[in-house]
Amino acid sequence: MESISSSKDFSRIFKYGRKVDQGPIRLWFFKKPETQLRVCFIGRSKKAVNRNRIRRRLKEGFRVHYYSFFQHTSYDFIFMSDERLIKADYLDIIRWMGELLEKAGVMNEAGTINDI
């Protein structure tokens, strides 16, 4: 899973991409002509420990449950959340991510994803 790292790519996604919210998670996504999925996970908190924990929980949820469906698509995804995610149940995180991806309308290209 490749990450998004350049400020030029972030600017393009925030400017031309679309945003959807579900629970404490936000998703920005942008369909690009290249054929490689790139994903970025952002945790918002004043403490580095909490930022890292939020990123790890988002990354693991996506990796385990959704990466295999999107690995051959050409999207850029940015998942962002705040400290509310730290105390959330793991299954809630997975459900929120699935609802975000459905709201975004990217599920059709990825195929069918079974409910968890």
PDB file of N, CA and C in Angstrom:
ATOM      1  N   MET A   1       0.864  -1.175   0.000  1.00  0.00           N
ATOM      2  CA  MET A   1       0.000   0.000   0.000  1.00  0.00           C
ATOM      3  C   MET A   1       0.902   1.228   0.000  1.00  0.00           C
ATOM      4  N   GLU A   2       0.846   1.976  -1.069  1.00  0.00           N
ATOM      5  CA  GLU A   2       1.667   3.176  -1.197  1.00  0.00           C
ATOM      6  C   GLU A   2       0.990   4.348  -0.491  1.00  0.00           C
ATOM      7  N   SER A   3       1.815   5.222   0.074  1.00  0.00           N
ATOM      8  CA  SER A   3       1.301   6.382   0.795  1.00  0.00           C
ATOM      9  C   SER A   3       1.411   7.644  -0.068  1.00  0.00           C
ATOM     10  N   ILE A   4       0.639   8.628   0.305  1.00  0.00           N
ATOM     11  CA  ILE A   4       0.696   9.934  -0.345  1.00  0.00           C
ATOM     12  C   ILE A   4       1.645  10.793   0.485  1.00  0.00           C
ATOM     13  N   SER A   5       2.644  11.390  -0.157  1.00  0.00           N
ATOM     14  CA  SER A   5       3.618  12.119   0.638  1.00  0.00           C
ATOM     15  C   SER A   5       3.895  13.543   0.169  1.00  0.00           C
ATOM     16  N   SER A   6       3.702  13.843  -1.093  1.00  0.00           N
ATOM     17  CA  SER A   6       4.075  15.181  -1.554  1.00  0.00           C
ATOM     18  C   SER A   6       2.952  16.188  -1.305  1.00  0.00           C
ATOM     19  N   SER A   7       3.341  17.403  -1.003  1.00  0.00           N
ATOM     20  CA  SER A   7       2.354  18.454  -0.741  1.00  0.00           C
ATOM     21  C   SER A   7       1.550  18.771  -1.997  1.00  0.00           C
ATOM     22  N   LYS A   8       2.148  18.573  -3.165  1.00  0.00           N
ATOM     23  CA  LYS A   8       1.449  18.790  -4.427  1.00  0.00           C
ATOM     24  C   LYS A   8       0.269  17.810  -4.554  1.00  0.00           C
ATOM     25  N   ASP A   9       0.485  16.562  -4.166  1.00  0.00           N
ATOM     26  CA  ASP A   9      -0.585  15.559  -4.224  1.00  0.00           C
ATOM     27  C   ASP A   9      -1.686  15.872  -3.216  1.00  0.00           C
ATOM     28  N   PHE A  10      -1.303  16.281  -2.013  1.00  0.00           N
ATOM     29  CA  PHE A  10      -2.304  16.650  -1.010  1.00  0.00           C
ATOM     30  C   PHE A  10      -3.145  17.829  -1.499  1.00  0.00           C
ATOM     31  N   SER A  11      -2.481  18.830  -2.046  1.00  0.00           N
ATOM     32  CA  SER A  11      -3.208  19.999  -2.558  1.00  0.00           C
ATOM     33  C   SER A  11      -4.191  19.609  -3.645  1.00  0.00           C
ATOM     34  N   ARG A  12      -3.768  18.729  -4.538  1.00  0.00           N
ATOM     35  CA  ARG A  12      -4.642  18.283  -5.627  1.00  0.00           C
ATOM     36  C   ARG A  12      -5.861  17.542  -5.079  1.00  0.00           C
ATOM     37  N   ILE A  13      -5.654  16.677  -4.106  1.00  0.00           N
ATOM     38  CA  ILE A  13      -6.767  15.909  -3.536  1.00  0.00           C
ATOM     39  C   ILE A  13      -7.738  16.825  -2.807  1.00  0.00           C
ATOM     40  N   PHE A  14      -7.217  17.751  -1.998  1.00  0.00           N
ATOM     41  CA  PHE A  14      -8.094  18.654  -1.252  1.00  0.00           C
ATOM     42  C   PHE A  14      -8.817  19.636  -2.177  1.00  0.00           C
ATOM     43  N   LYS A  15      -8.187  20.009  -3.292  1.00  0.00           N
ATOM     44  CA  LYS A  15      -8.798  20.976  -4.196  1.00  0.00           C
ATOM     45  C   LYS A  15      -9.791  20.327  -5.155  1.00  0.00           C
ATOM     46  N   TYR A  16      -9.427  19.217  -5.768  1.00  0.00           N
ATOM     47  CA  TYR A  16     -10.253  18.609  -6.806  1.00  0.00           C
ATOM     48  C   TYR A  16     -11.012  17.358  -6.351  1.00  0.00           C
ATOM     49  N   GLY A  17     -10.620  16.795  -5.226  1.00  0.00           N
ATOM     50  CA  GLY A  17     -11.279  15.588  -4.735  1.00  0.00           C
ATOM     51  C   GLY A  17     -12.585  15.902  -4.020  1.00  0.00           C
ATOM     52  N   ARG A  18     -13.246  14.852  -3.553  1.00  0.00           N
ATOM     53  CA  ARG A  18     -14.494  15.016  -2.811  1.00  0.00           C
ATOM     54  C   ARG A  18     -14.289  14.547  -1.378  1.00  0.00           C
ATOM     55  N   LYS A  19     -15.134  15.052  -0.466  1.00  0.00           N
ATOM     56  CA  LYS A  19     -15.030  14.722   0.953  1.00  0.00           C
ATOM     57  C   LYS A  19     -16.355  14.168   1.436  1.00  0.00           C
ATOM     58  N   VAL A  20     -16.280  13.102   2.259  1.00  0.00           N
ATOM     59  CA  VAL A  20     -17.464  12.557   2.929  1.00  0.00           C
ATOM     60  C   VAL A  20     -17.106  12.318   4.387  1.00  0.00           C
ATOM     61  N   ASP A  21     -18.112  12.439   5.260  1.00  0.00           N
ATOM     62  CA  ASP A  21     -17.933  12.239   6.704  1.00  0.00           C
ATOM     63  C   ASP A  21     -18.820  11.103   7.175  1.00  0.00           C
ATOM     64  N   GLN A  22     -18.332  10.355   8.148  1.00  0.00           N
ATOM     65  CA  GLN A  22     -19.130   9.337   8.817  1.00  0.00           C
ATOM     66  C   GLN A  22     -18.542   9.126  10.201  1.00  0.00           C
ATOM     67  N   GLY A  23     -19.352   9.355  11.226  1.00  0.00           N
ATOM     68  CA  GLY A  23     -18.828   9.254  12.583  1.00  0.00           C
ATOM     69  C   GLY A  23     -17.683  10.240  12.750  1.00  0.00           C
ATOM     70  N   PRO A  24     -16.607   9.821  13.412  1.00  0.00           N
ATOM     71  CA  PRO A  24     -15.469  10.729  13.600  1.00  0.00           C
ATOM     72  C   PRO A  24     -14.448  10.679  12.466  1.00  0.00           C
ATOM     73  N   ILE A  25     -14.766   9.973  11.379  1.00  0.00           N
ATOM     74  CA  ILE A  25     -13.802   9.809  10.286  1.00  0.00           C
ATOM     75  C   ILE A  25     -14.237  10.630   9.072  1.00  0.00           C
ATOM     76  N   ARG A  26     -13.249  11.255   8.425  1.00  0.00           N
ATOM     77  CA  ARG A  26     -13.477  11.956   7.159  1.00  0.00           C
ATOM     78  C   ARG A  26     -12.665  11.253   6.085  1.00  0.00           C
ATOM     79  N   LEU A  27     -13.218  11.239   4.891  1.00  0.00           N
ATOM     80  CA  LEU A  27     -12.521  10.643   3.757  1.00  0.00           C
ATOM     81  C   LEU A  27     -12.504  11.633   2.607  1.00  0.00           C
ATOM     82  N   TRP A  28     -11.311  11.938   2.129  1.00  0.00           N
ATOM     83  CA  TRP A  28     -11.145  12.678   0.884  1.00  0.00           C
ATOM     84  C   TRP A  28     -10.702  11.658  -0.149  1.00  0.00           C
ATOM     85  N   PHE A  29     -11.253  11.730  -1.345  1.00  0.00           N
ATOM     86  CA  PHE A  29     -10.852  10.784  -2.374  1.00  0.00           C
ATOM     87  C   PHE A  29     -10.790  11.482  -3.719  1.00  0.00           C
ATOM     88  N   PHE A  30      -9.918  10.964  -4.561  1.00  0.00           N
ATOM     89  CA  PHE A  30      -9.690  11.545  -5.878  1.00  0.00           C
ATOM     90  C   PHE A  30      -9.372  10.415  -6.841  1.00  0.00           C
ATOM     91  N   LYS A  31     -10.113  10.345  -7.934  1.00  0.00           N
ATOM     92  CA  LYS A  31      -9.877   9.353  -8.982  1.00  0.00           C
ATOM     93  C   LYS A  31      -8.823   9.902  -9.919  1.00  0.00           C
ATOM     94  N   LYS A  32      -7.749   9.177 -10.108  1.00  0.00           N
ATOM     95  CA  LYS A  32      -6.653   9.656 -10.944  1.00  0.00           C
ATOM     96  C   LYS A  32      -6.440   8.719 -12.129  1.00  0.00           C
ATOM     97  N   PRO A  33      -5.783   9.183 -13.164  1.00  0.00           N
ATOM     98  CA  PRO A  33      -5.609   8.347 -14.354  1.00  0.00           C
ATOM     99  C   PRO A  33      -4.626   7.190 -14.152  1.00  0.00           C
ATOM    100  N   GLU A  34      -3.667   7.316 -13.251  1.00  0.00           N
ATOM    101  CA  GLU A  34      -2.726   6.224 -13.001  1.00  0.00           C
ATOM    102  C   GLU A  34      -3.465   5.047 -12.369  1.00  0.00           C
ATOM    103  N   THR A  35      -2.869   3.894 -12.396  1.00  0.00           N
ATOM    104  CA  THR A  35      -3.556   2.706 -11.871  1.00  0.00           C
ATOM    105  C   THR A  35      -2.904   2.192 -10.596  1.00  0.00           C
ATOM    106  N   GLN A  36      -2.761   3.033  -9.624  1.00  0.00           N
ATOM    107  CA  GLN A  36      -2.165   2.599  -8.367  1.00  0.00           C
ATOM    108  C   GLN A  36      -2.881   3.276  -7.212  1.00  0.00           C
ATOM    109  N   LEU A  37      -3.327   2.473  -6.269  1.00  0.00           N
ATOM    110  CA  LEU A  37      -3.987   2.980  -5.075  1.00  0.00           C
ATOM    111  C   LEU A  37      -2.945   3.624  -4.161  1.00  0.00           C
ATOM    112  N   ARG A  38      -3.276   4.800  -3.645  1.00  0.00           N
ATOM    113  CA  ARG A  38      -2.444   5.445  -2.632  1.00  0.00           C
ATOM    114  C   ARG A  38      -3.355   5.870  -1.492  1.00  0.00           C
ATOM    115  N   VAL A  39      -2.901   5.633  -0.264  1.00  0.00           N
ATOM    116  CA  VAL A  39      -3.719   5.917   0.903  1.00  0.00           C
ATOM    117  C   VAL A  39      -2.882   6.648   1.936  1.00  0.00           C
ATOM    118  N   CYS A  40      -3.508   7.616   2.608  1.00  0.00           N
ATOM    119  CA  CYS A  40      -2.857   8.342   3.692  1.00  0.00           C
ATOM    120  C   CYS A  40      -3.795   8.348   4.894  1.00  0.00           C
ATOM    121  N   PHE A  41      -3.248   8.175   6.073  1.00  0.00           N
ATOM    122  CA  PHE A  41      -4.029   8.165   7.308  1.00  0.00           C
ATOM    123  C   PHE A  41      -3.515   9.293   8.196  1.00  0.00           C
ATOM    124  N   ILE A  42      -4.428  10.156   8.641  1.00  0.00           N
ATOM    125  CA  ILE A  42      -4.043  11.320   9.435  1.00  0.00           C
ATOM    126  C   ILE A  42      -4.783  11.288  10.756  1.00  0.00           C
ATOM    127  N   GLY A  43      -4.031  11.429  11.833  1.00  0.00           N
ATOM    128  CA  GLY A  43      -4.616  11.531  13.171  1.00  0.00           C
ATOM    129  C   GLY A  43      -4.478  12.955  13.661  1.00  0.00           C
ATOM    130  N   ARG A  44      -5.561  13.482  14.203  1.00  0.00           N
ATOM    131  CA  ARG A  44      -5.525  14.859  14.696  1.00  0.00           C
ATOM    132  C   ARG A  44      -5.604  14.844  16.216  1.00  0.00           C
ATOM    133  N   SER A  45      -4.559  15.319  16.854  1.00  0.00           N
ATOM    134  CA  SER A  45      -4.500  15.398  18.306  1.00  0.00           C
ATOM    135  C   SER A  45      -3.311  16.276  18.677  1.00  0.00           C
ATOM    136  N   LYS A  46      -3.345  16.793  19.891  1.00  0.00           N
ATOM    137  CA  LYS A  46      -2.215  17.592  20.353  1.00  0.00           C
ATOM    138  C   LYS A  46      -1.050  16.705  20.793  1.00  0.00           C
ATOM    139  N   LYS A  47      -1.345  15.452  21.148  1.00  0.00           N
ATOM    140  CA  LYS A  47      -0.308  14.538  21.631  1.00  0.00           C
ATOM    141  C   LYS A  47       0.090  13.561  20.528  1.00  0.00           C
ATOM    142  N   ALA A  48       1.392  13.401  20.351  1.00  0.00           N
ATOM    143  CA  ALA A  48       1.905  12.511  19.309  1.00  0.00           C
ATOM    144  C   ALA A  48       1.462  11.065  19.538  1.00  0.00           C
ATOM    145  N   VAL A  49       1.397  10.632  20.782  1.00  0.00           N
ATOM    146  CA  VAL A  49       0.964   9.270  21.087  1.00  0.00           C
ATOM    147  C   VAL A  49      -0.441   9.020  20.548  1.00  0.00           C
ATOM    148  N   ASN A  50      -1.324   9.972  20.739  1.00  0.00           N
ATOM    149  CA  ASN A  50      -2.700   9.831  20.260  1.00  0.00           C
ATOM    150  C   ASN A  50      -2.778   9.904  18.734  1.00  0.00           C
ATOM    151  N   ARG A  51      -2.014  10.811  18.120  1.00  0.00           N
ATOM    152  CA  ARG A  51      -1.990  10.898  16.657  1.00  0.00           C
ATOM    153  C   ARG A  51      -1.556   9.571  16.043  1.00  0.00           C
ATOM    154  N   ASN A  52      -0.511   8.987  16.610  1.00  0.00           N
ATOM    155  CA  ASN A  52      -0.003   7.720  16.086  1.00  0.00           C
ATOM    156  C   ASN A  52      -0.996   6.585  16.304  1.00  0.00           C
ATOM    157  N   ARG A  53      -1.647   6.557  17.440  1.00  0.00           N
ATOM    158  CA  ARG A  53      -2.640   5.512  17.720  1.00  0.00           C
ATOM    159  C   ARG A  53      -3.813   5.615  16.747  1.00  0.00           C
ATOM    160  N   ILE A  54      -4.269   6.827  16.474  1.00  0.00           N
ATOM    161  CA  ILE A  54      -5.366   7.033  15.528  1.00  0.00           C
ATOM    162  C   ILE A  54      -4.949   6.534  14.141  1.00  0.00           C
ATOM    163  N   ARG A  55      -3.753   6.918  13.706  1.00  0.00           N
ATOM    164  CA  ARG A  55      -3.269   6.474  12.391  1.00  0.00           C
ATOM    165  C   ARG A  55      -3.149   4.959  12.311  1.00  0.00           C
ATOM    166  N   ARG A  56      -2.629   4.346  13.363  1.00  0.00           N
ATOM    167  CA  ARG A  56      -2.479   2.886  13.361  1.00  0.00           C
ATOM    168  C   ARG A  56      -3.825   2.187  13.286  1.00  0.00           C
ATOM    169  N   ARG A  57      -4.812   2.686  14.016  1.00  0.00           N
ATOM    170  CA  ARG A  57      -6.137   2.056  13.998  1.00  0.00           C
ATOM    171  C   ARG A  57      -6.801   2.203  12.626  1.00  0.00           C
ATOM    172  N   LEU A  58      -6.692   3.376  12.022  1.00  0.00           N
ATOM    173  CA  LEU A  58      -7.245   3.573  10.686  1.00  0.00           C
ATOM    174  C   LEU A  58      -6.535   2.677   9.662  1.00  0.00           C
ATOM    175  N   LYS A  59      -5.217   2.664   9.722  1.00  0.00           N
ATOM    176  CA  LYS A  59      -4.439   1.900   8.751  1.00  0.00           C
ATOM    177  C   LYS A  59      -4.732   0.407   8.864  1.00  0.00           C
ATOM    178  N   GLU A  60      -4.794  -0.106  10.056  1.00  0.00           N
ATOM    179  CA  GLU A  60      -5.046  -1.536  10.232  1.00  0.00           C
ATOM    180  C   GLU A  60      -6.455  -1.911   9.781  1.00  0.00           C
ATOM    181  N   GLY A  61      -7.431  -1.068  10.097  1.00  0.00           N
ATOM    182  CA  GLY A  61      -8.798  -1.336   9.657  1.00  0.00           C
ATOM    183  C   GLY A  61      -8.902  -1.383   8.146  1.00  0.00           C
ATOM    184  N   PHE A  62      -8.262  -0.448   7.467  1.00  0.00           N
ATOM    185  CA  PHE A  62      -8.302  -0.426   6.009  1.00  0.00           C
ATOM    186  C   PHE A  62      -7.527  -1.603   5.439  1.00  0.00           C
ATOM    187  N   ARG A  63      -6.364  -1.878   5.979  1.00  0.00           N
ATOM    188  CA  ARG A  63      -5.511  -2.949   5.458  1.00  0.00           C
ATOM    189  C   ARG A  63      -6.199  -4.308   5.538  1.00  0.00           C
ATOM    190  N   VAL A  64      -6.787  -4.605   6.684  1.00  0.00           N
ATOM    191  CA  VAL A  64      -7.384  -5.914   6.899  1.00  0.00           C
ATOM    192  C   VAL A  64      -8.685  -6.091   6.128  1.00  0.00           C
ATOM    193  N   HIS A  65      -9.538  -5.077   6.103  1.00  0.00           N
ATOM    194  CA  HIS A  65     -10.889  -5.255   5.582  1.00  0.00           C
ATOM    195  C   HIS A  65     -11.144  -4.691   4.193  1.00  0.00           C
ATOM    196  N   TYR A  66     -10.380  -3.700   3.734  1.00  0.00           N
ATOM    197  CA  TYR A  66     -10.730  -3.042   2.477  1.00  0.00           C
ATOM    198  C   TYR A  66      -9.617  -2.998   1.439  1.00  0.00           C
ATOM    199  N   TYR A  67      -8.379  -3.141   1.838  1.00  0.00           N
ATOM    200  CA  TYR A  67      -7.271  -3.003   0.893  1.00  0.00           C
ATOM    201  C   TYR A  67      -7.368  -3.978  -0.269  1.00  0.00           C
ATOM    202  N   SER A  68      -7.709  -5.218  -0.004  1.00  0.00           N
ATOM    203  CA  SER A  68      -7.754  -6.220  -1.068  1.00  0.00           C
ATOM    204  C   SER A  68      -8.781  -5.866  -2.145  1.00  0.00           C
ATOM    205  N   PHE A  69      -9.825  -5.132  -1.795  1.00  0.00           N
ATOM    206  CA  PHE A  69     -10.833  -4.738  -2.774  1.00  0.00           C
ATOM    207  C   PHE A  69     -10.389  -3.550  -3.624  1.00  0.00           C
ATOM    208  N   PHE A  70      -9.541  -2.707  -3.071  1.00  0.00           N
ATOM    209  CA  PHE A  70      -9.153  -1.468  -3.748  1.00  0.00           C
ATOM    210  C   PHE A  70      -7.735  -1.476  -4.304  1.00  0.00           C
ATOM    211  N   GLN A  71      -6.971  -2.541  -4.090  1.00  0.00           N
ATOM    212  CA  GLN A  71      -5.552  -2.513  -4.448  1.00  0.00           C
ATOM    213  C   GLN A  71      -5.290  -2.313  -5.935  1.00  0.00           C
ATOM    214  N   HIS A  72      -6.241  -2.646  -6.795  1.00  0.00           N
ATOM    215  CA  HIS A  72      -6.025  -2.474  -8.233  1.00  0.00           C
ATOM    216  C   HIS A  72      -6.814  -1.295  -8.805  1.00  0.00           C
ATOM    217  N   THR A  73      -7.285  -0.406  -7.939  1.00  0.00           N
ATOM    218  CA  THR A  73      -8.006   0.770  -8.408  1.00  0.00           C
ATOM    219  C   THR A  73      -7.051   1.959  -8.483  1.00  0.00           C
ATOM    220  N   SER A  74      -7.520   3.043  -9.050  1.00  0.00           N
ATOM    221  CA  SER A  74      -6.649   4.217  -9.235  1.00  0.00           C
ATOM    222  C   SER A  74      -7.153   5.400  -8.420  1.00  0.00           C
ATOM    223  N   TYR A  75      -7.337   5.185  -7.129  1.00  0.00           N
ATOM    224  CA  TYR A  75      -7.810   6.238  -6.239  1.00  0.00           C
ATOM    225  C   TYR A  75      -6.695   6.707  -5.317  1.00  0.00           C
ATOM    226  N   ASP A  76      -6.822   7.952  -4.884  1.00  0.00           N
ATOM    227  CA  ASP A  76      -6.073   8.477  -3.751  1.00  0.00           C
ATOM    228  C   ASP A  76      -7.081   8.648  -2.629  1.00  0.00           C
ATOM    229  N   PHE A  77      -6.824   8.051  -1.472  1.00  0.00           N
ATOM    230  CA  PHE A  77      -7.682   8.171  -0.304  1.00  0.00           C
ATOM    231  C   PHE A  77      -6.917   8.871   0.805  1.00  0.00           C
ATOM    232  N   ILE A  78      -7.585   9.786   1.500  1.00  0.00           N
ATOM    233  CA  ILE A  78      -7.041  10.363   2.728  1.00  0.00           C
ATOM    234  C   ILE A  78      -8.094  10.150   3.806  1.00  0.00           C
ATOM    235  N   PHE A  79      -7.768   9.338   4.801  1.00  0.00           N
ATOM    236  CA  PHE A  79      -8.633   9.118   5.957  1.00  0.00           C
ATOM    237  C   PHE A  79      -8.114   9.985   7.093  1.00  0.00           C
ATOM    238  N   MET A  80      -9.003  10.751   7.713  1.00  0.00           N
ATOM    239  CA  MET A  80      -8.616  11.629   8.807  1.00  0.00           C
ATOM    240  C   MET A  80      -9.588  11.457   9.965  1.00  0.00           C
ATOM    241  N   SER A  81      -9.045  11.437  11.178  1.00  0.00           N
ATOM    242  CA  SER A  81      -9.907  11.354  12.351  1.00  0.00           C
ATOM    243  C   SER A  81      -9.254  12.092  13.510  1.00  0.00           C
ATOM    244  N   ASP A  82     -10.042  12.237  14.581  1.00  0.00           N
ATOM    245  CA  ASP A  82      -9.535  12.923  15.762  1.00  0.00           C
ATOM    246  C   ASP A  82      -9.538  11.962  16.952  1.00  0.00           C
ATOM    247  N   GLU A  83      -9.405  12.507  18.159  1.00  0.00           N
ATOM    248  CA  GLU A  83      -9.247  11.688  19.360  1.00  0.00           C
ATOM    249  C   GLU A  83     -10.461  10.823  19.695  1.00  0.00           C
ATOM    250  N   ARG A  84     -11.616  11.111  19.120  1.00  0.00           N
ATOM    251  CA  ARG A  84     -12.789  10.267  19.378  1.00  0.00           C
ATOM    252  C   ARG A  84     -12.563   8.834  18.908  1.00  0.00           C
ATOM    253  N   LEU A  85     -11.666   8.646  17.973  1.00  0.00           N
ATOM    254  CA  LEU A  85     -11.417   7.316  17.427  1.00  0.00           C
ATOM    255  C   LEU A  85     -10.654   6.421  18.410  1.00  0.00           C
ATOM    256  N   ILE A  86      -9.943   7.013  19.333  1.00  0.00           N
ATOM    257  CA  ILE A  86      -9.141   6.226  20.279  1.00  0.00           C
ATOM    258  C   ILE A  86     -10.024   5.333  21.130  1.00  0.00           C
ATOM    259  N   LYS A  87     -11.153   5.858  21.578  1.00  0.00           N
ATOM    260  CA  LYS A  87     -12.028   5.090  22.466  1.00  0.00           C
ATOM    261  C   LYS A  87     -13.092   4.298  21.710  1.00  0.00           C
ATOM    262  N   ALA A  88     -13.142   4.438  20.387  1.00  0.00           N
ATOM    263  CA  ALA A  88     -14.148   3.737  19.591  1.00  0.00           C
ATOM    264  C   ALA A  88     -13.812   2.250  19.489  1.00  0.00           C
ATOM    265  N   ASP A  89     -14.839   1.446  19.392  1.00  0.00           N
ATOM    266  CA  ASP A  89     -14.681   0.010  19.212  1.00  0.00           C
ATOM    267  C   ASP A  89     -14.134  -0.252  17.803  1.00  0.00           C
ATOM    268  N   TYR A  90     -13.298  -1.265  17.657  1.00  0.00           N
ATOM    269  CA  TYR A  90     -12.690  -1.581  16.371  1.00  0.00           C
ATOM    270  C   TYR A  90     -13.757  -1.878  15.310  1.00  0.00           C
ATOM    271  N   LEU A  91     -14.802  -2.584  15.672  1.00  0.00           N
ATOM    272  CA  LEU A  91     -15.867  -2.896  14.714  1.00  0.00           C
ATOM    273  C   LEU A  91     -16.596  -1.634  14.247  1.00  0.00           C
ATOM    274  N   ASP A  92     -16.707  -0.645  15.137  1.00  0.00           N
ATOM    275  CA  ASP A  92     -17.305   0.631  14.733  1.00  0.00           C
ATOM    276  C   ASP A  92     -16.430   1.335  13.700  1.00  0.00           C
ATOM    277  N   ILE A  93     -15.125   1.270  13.892  1.00  0.00           N
ATOM    278  CA  ILE A  93     -14.196   1.888  12.950  1.00  0.00           C
ATOM    279  C   ILE A  93     -14.351   1.244  11.569  1.00  0.00           C
ATOM    280  N   ILE A  94     -14.422  -0.075  11.546  1.00  0.00           N
ATOM    281  CA  ILE A  94     -14.587  -0.803  10.288  1.00  0.00           C
ATOM    282  C   ILE A  94     -15.914  -0.424   9.631  1.00  0.00           C
ATOM    283  N   ARG A  95     -16.966  -0.359  10.420  1.00  0.00           N
ATOM    284  CA  ARG A  95     -18.287  -0.015   9.884  1.00  0.00           C
ATOM    285  C   ARG A  95     -18.276   1.403   9.316  1.00  0.00           C
ATOM    286  N   TRP A  96     -17.687   2.361  10.050  1.00  0.00           N
ATOM    287  CA  TRP A  96     -17.611   3.749   9.577  1.00  0.00           C
ATOM    288  C   TRP A  96     -16.837   3.835   8.257  1.00  0.00           C
ATOM    289  N   MET A  97     -15.734   3.101   8.181  1.00  0.00           N
ATOM    290  CA  MET A  97     -14.946   3.126   6.942  1.00  0.00           C
ATOM    291  C   MET A  97     -15.771   2.576   5.774  1.00  0.00           C
ATOM    292  N   GLY A  98     -16.476   1.489   6.000  1.00  0.00           N
ATOM    293  CA  GLY A  98     -17.318   0.926   4.946  1.00  0.00           C
ATOM    294  C   GLY A  98     -18.407   1.887   4.505  1.00  0.00           C
ATOM    295  N   GLU A  99     -19.029   2.565   5.480  1.00  0.00           N
ATOM    296  CA  GLU A  99     -20.073   3.536   5.147  1.00  0.00           C
ATOM    297  C   GLU A  99     -19.495   4.725   4.384  1.00  0.00           C
ATOM    298  N   LEU A 100     -18.282   5.131   4.741  1.00  0.00           N
ATOM    299  CA  LEU A 100     -17.627   6.222   4.008  1.00  0.00           C
ATOM    300  C   LEU A 100     -17.383   5.833   2.559  1.00  0.00           C
ATOM    301  N   LEU A 101     -16.872   4.635   2.358  1.00  0.00           N
ATOM    302  CA  LEU A 101     -16.574   4.184   1.009  1.00  0.00           C
ATOM    303  C   LEU A 101     -17.843   4.014   0.184  1.00  0.00           C
ATOM    304  N   GLU A 102     -18.933   3.608   0.827  1.00  0.00           N
ATOM    305  CA  GLU A 102     -20.213   3.516   0.118  1.00  0.00           C
ATOM    306  C   GLU A 102     -20.742   4.904  -0.236  1.00  0.00           C
ATOM    307  N   LYS A 103     -20.688   5.840   0.728  1.00  0.00           N
ATOM    308  CA  LYS A 103     -21.122   7.217   0.466  1.00  0.00           C
ATOM    309  C   LYS A 103     -20.331   7.837  -0.673  1.00  0.00           C
ATOM    310  N   ALA A 104     -19.052   7.525  -0.718  1.00  0.00           N
ATOM    311  CA  ALA A 104     -18.184   8.085  -1.748  1.00  0.00           C
ATOM    312  C   ALA A 104     -18.503   7.513  -3.128  1.00  0.00           C
ATOM    313  N   GLY A 105     -19.165   6.373  -3.152  1.00  0.00           N
ATOM    314  CA  GLY A 105     -19.524   5.755  -4.423  1.00  0.00           C
ATOM    315  C   GLY A 105     -18.381   5.014  -5.086  1.00  0.00           C
ATOM    316  N   VAL A 106     -17.363   4.652  -4.337  1.00  0.00           N
ATOM    317  CA  VAL A 106     -16.221   3.949  -4.908  1.00  0.00           C
ATOM    318  C   VAL A 106     -16.348   2.436  -4.797  1.00  0.00           C
ATOM    319  N   MET A 107     -17.389   1.955  -4.143  1.00  0.00           N
ATOM    320  CA  MET A 107     -17.571   0.517  -3.958  1.00  0.00           C
ATOM    321  C   MET A 107     -17.851  -0.192  -5.274  1.00  0.00           C
ATOM    322  N   ASN A 108     -18.529   0.452  -6.211  1.00  0.00           N
ATOM    323  CA  ASN A 108     -18.869  -0.190  -7.478  1.00  0.00           C
ATOM    324  C   ASN A 108     -17.622  -0.608  -8.247  1.00  0.00           C
ATOM    325  N   GLU A 109     -16.622   0.241  -8.230  1.00  0.00           N
ATOM    326  CA  GLU A 109     -15.390  -0.086  -8.950  1.00  0.00           C
ATOM    327  C   GLU A 109     -14.601  -1.174  -8.237  1.00  0.00           C
ATOM    328  N   ALA A 110     -14.693  -1.209  -6.907  1.00  0.00           N
ATOM    329  CA  ALA A 110     -13.927  -2.170  -6.139  1.00  0.00           C
ATOM    330  C   ALA A 110     -14.584  -3.546  -6.122  1.00  0.00           C
ATOM    331  N   GLY A 111     -15.883  -3.626  -6.390  1.00  0.00           N
ATOM    332  CA  GLY A 111     -16.578  -4.895  -6.314  1.00  0.00           C
ATOM    333  C   GLY A 111     -17.444  -4.932  -5.077  1.00  0.00           C
ATOM    334  N   THR A 112     -17.964  -6.074  -4.769  1.00  0.00           N
ATOM    335  CA  THR A 112     -18.866  -6.231  -3.633  1.00  0.00           C
ATOM    336  C   THR A 112     -18.064  -6.504  -2.376  1.00  0.00           C
ATOM    337  N   ILE A 113     -18.420  -5.830  -1.314  1.00  0.00           N
ATOM    338  CA  ILE A 113     -17.780  -6.046  -0.021  1.00  0.00           C
ATOM    339  C   ILE A 113     -18.853  -6.568   0.929  1.00  0.00           C
ATOM    340  N   ASN A 114     -18.581  -7.698   1.511  1.00  0.00           N
ATOM    341  CA  ASN A 114     -19.555  -8.288   2.442  1.00  0.00           C
ATOM    342  C   ASN A 114     -19.584  -7.512   3.745  1.00  0.00           C
ATOM    343  N   ASP A 115     -20.761  -7.482   4.371  1.00  0.00           N
ATOM    344  CA  ASP A 115     -20.898  -6.797   5.650  1.00  0.00           C
ATOM    345  C   ASP A 115     -20.094  -7.520   6.714  1.00  0.00           C
ATOM    346  N   ILE A 116     -19.598  -6.768   7.672  1.00  0.00           N
ATOM    347  CA  ILE A 116     -18.780  -7.332   8.747  1.00  0.00           C
ATOM    348  C   ILE A 116     -19.647  -7.599   9.944  1.00  0.00           C
TER     349      ILE A 116
END
